[in-house]
Amino acid sequence: MRPQAKLNLSYTIISAPSTGIIGKKTAEAGQNVSPGESLMALVPLEDIWVTANFKETQLRRMKPGQRVVFTVDAYDHEYHGRVTGIGGASGSRFSLLPPENATGNYVKVVQRIPVRIDLDPGENQDHRLRPGMSVDPKVYINQ
């Protein structure tokens, strides 16, 4: 193979920045792509965490570092982790169209605050957890 042909062939190989599973693939074989064009969504499975939306009344004694045990609806397995962060605002504050409760009557609505839970090392070795799965977390606040 000529040197120019080898060089041209090397331009056809696209390497992923990390390991994971491909989701939402938009590229097809034989398609011309431009630099910076999005070809697919890559879901990394090495650094998985859980975002649990707790009611604001459930956060009174919750803090980073507390132990968490949770189950996933899809599997009969118990996972372990730690609270690593509590969100800065409720989910409604970050929504595209925040709710406007201007009915004339004051109705208190309990908001939900996102809490990040990182898995303990080795908890997802089988790589079965996926983004969007429903979990049932239990935070141990007596520590």
Protein backbone atom coordinates (compact mmCIF):
# COMPACT_ATOMS: atom_id res chain seq x y z
CA MET A 1 0.00 0.00 0.00
CA ARG A 2 1.34 3.43 -0.93
CA PRO A 3 2.18 5.90 1.88
CA GLN A 4 -0.56 8.33 0.81
CA ALA A 5 -3.16 5.53 0.79
CA LYS A 6 -2.07 4.47 4.31
CA LEU A 7 -2.40 8.06 5.51
CA ASN A 8 -5.87 8.39 3.96
CA LEU A 9 -6.96 5.12 5.53
CA SER A 10 -5.80 6.29 8.97
CA TYR A 11 -8.24 9.22 8.69
CA THR A 12 -11.17 6.79 8.50
CA ILE A 13 -10.66 5.36 11.99
CA ILE A 14 -12.49 7.17 14.77
CA SER A 15 -11.58 6.18 18.32
CA ALA A 16 -13.88 6.72 21.29
CA PRO A 17 -12.50 8.81 24.16
CA SER A 18 -13.56 6.14 26.70
CA THR A 19 -15.17 2.73 26.97
CA GLY A 20 -18.93 2.48 27.08
CA ILE A 21 -22.10 1.65 25.19
CA ILE A 22 -23.24 3.48 22.07
CA GLY A 23 -26.64 5.08 22.23
CA LYS A 24 -28.43 7.34 19.73
CA LYS A 25 -26.19 6.59 16.76
CA THR A 26 -26.55 9.09 13.90
CA ALA A 27 -23.63 8.03 11.70
CA GLU A 28 -23.94 5.44 8.93
CA ALA A 29 -21.31 3.56 6.94
CA GLY A 30 -20.05 5.59 3.99
CA GLN A 31 -21.25 8.91 5.39
CA ASN A 32 -18.98 11.95 5.13
CA VAL A 33 -18.53 13.73 8.46
CA SER A 34 -17.05 17.04 9.45
CA PRO A 35 -14.69 17.66 12.37
CA GLY A 36 -16.68 18.26 15.54
CA GLU A 37 -19.86 16.67 14.17
CA SER A 38 -21.78 14.54 16.67
CA LEU A 39 -21.90 10.91 15.50
CA MET A 40 -23.32 9.11 18.53
CA ALA A 41 -23.90 9.33 22.24
CA LEU A 42 -21.42 7.31 24.28
CA VAL A 43 -22.62 6.15 27.70
CA PRO A 44 -19.57 5.44 29.89
CA LEU A 45 -20.15 2.59 32.32
CA GLU A 46 -17.09 3.06 34.52
CA ASP A 47 -18.20 6.24 36.31
CA ILE A 48 -21.88 5.69 37.09
CA TRP A 49 -23.72 7.63 39.80
CA VAL A 50 -27.33 7.97 40.91
CA THR A 51 -29.32 11.17 41.10
CA ALA A 52 -32.14 10.70 43.61
CA ASN A 53 -34.78 13.41 43.89
CA PHE A 54 -35.71 13.67 47.56
CA LYS A 55 -38.47 15.85 48.98
CA GLU A 56 -37.09 18.93 50.67
CA THR A 57 -38.56 17.68 53.97
CA GLN A 58 -36.38 14.55 53.71
CA LEU A 59 -33.12 16.54 53.60
CA ARG A 60 -33.10 17.83 57.19
CA ARG A 61 -30.35 15.50 58.44
CA MET A 62 -28.89 14.40 55.10
CA LYS A 63 -25.31 15.40 54.30
CA PRO A 64 -22.43 14.30 52.04
CA GLY A 65 -20.58 11.18 53.16
CA GLN A 66 -23.60 9.31 54.49
CA ARG A 67 -24.02 5.66 53.53
CA VAL A 68 -26.70 4.72 50.97
CA VAL A 69 -28.19 1.35 50.06
CA PHE A 70 -30.40 1.19 46.99
CA THR A 71 -32.12 -1.31 44.76
CA VAL A 72 -32.89 -0.98 41.08
CA ASP A 73 -36.38 -1.88 39.83
CA ALA A 74 -34.90 -3.92 36.96
CA TYR A 75 -32.65 -6.19 39.06
CA ASP A 76 -32.87 -8.12 42.30
CA HIS A 77 -29.61 -6.74 43.63
CA GLU A 78 -28.67 -4.32 46.39
CA TYR A 79 -26.08 -1.63 45.64
CA HIS A 80 -24.07 0.45 48.11
CA GLY A 81 -22.80 4.00 47.83
CA ARG A 82 -22.37 7.37 49.52
CA VAL A 83 -24.07 10.75 49.29
CA THR A 84 -21.57 13.02 47.55
CA GLY A 85 -23.60 16.13 46.91
CA ILE A 86 -26.93 17.86 47.40
CA GLY A 87 -28.24 19.96 44.51
CA GLY A 88 -28.19 23.74 44.62
CA ALA A 89 -31.86 24.12 43.66
CA SER A 90 -34.99 22.14 42.97
CA GLY A 91 -35.54 20.53 39.60
CA SER A 92 -38.28 23.04 38.76
CA ARG A 93 -35.76 25.91 38.95
CA PHE A 94 -33.71 24.33 36.18
CA SER A 95 -36.63 23.35 33.94
CA LEU A 96 -37.15 24.95 30.55
CA LEU A 97 -40.60 26.18 31.54
CA PRO A 98 -40.68 26.69 35.32
CA PRO A 99 -44.13 26.34 36.88
CA GLU A 100 -46.05 29.49 37.66
CA ASN A 101 -48.50 28.76 40.44
CA ALA A 102 -50.40 32.05 40.22
CA THR A 103 -53.91 30.84 40.97
CA GLY A 104 -54.72 33.42 43.62
CA ASN A 105 -54.64 30.84 46.40
CA TYR A 106 -51.40 29.95 48.09
CA VAL A 107 -50.76 26.23 47.86
CA LYS A 108 -47.49 24.98 49.27
CA VAL A 109 -45.88 22.44 46.95
CA VAL A 110 -43.09 20.30 48.38
CA GLN A 111 -40.16 20.54 45.97
CA ARG A 112 -37.70 17.80 45.12
CA ILE A 113 -33.96 18.38 45.39
CA PRO A 114 -31.45 16.23 43.46
CA VAL A 115 -28.98 14.28 45.60
CA ARG A 116 -25.93 12.68 43.98
CA ILE A 117 -25.03 9.19 45.16
CA ASP A 118 -21.69 7.70 44.06
CA LEU A 119 -21.35 3.93 44.05
CA ASP A 120 -18.78 2.24 46.25
CA PRO A 121 -15.81 0.74 44.33
CA GLY A 122 -16.66 -2.57 42.68
CA GLU A 123 -20.44 -2.17 43.01
CA ASN A 124 -21.08 -2.03 39.26
CA GLN A 125 -18.51 -4.56 38.03
CA ASP A 126 -21.10 -6.29 35.86
CA HIS A 127 -21.97 -2.92 34.19
CA ARG A 128 -25.72 -3.55 34.44
CA LEU A 129 -26.66 -0.07 35.71
CA ARG A 130 -27.81 2.33 32.99
CA PRO A 131 -28.81 6.01 32.95
CA GLY A 132 -32.51 6.52 33.56
CA MET A 133 -33.16 3.41 35.67
CA SER A 134 -35.51 3.77 38.63
CA VAL A 135 -33.96 3.19 42.04
CA ASP A 136 -35.23 2.99 45.62
CA PRO A 137 -32.53 4.63 47.81
CA LYS A 138 -32.23 4.46 51.58
CA VAL A 139 -29.86 6.98 53.19
CA TYR A 140 -28.51 6.14 56.63
CA ILE A 141 -28.52 9.49 58.44
CA ASN A 142 -27.40 8.26 61.89
CA GLN A 143 -23.65 8.42 61.42
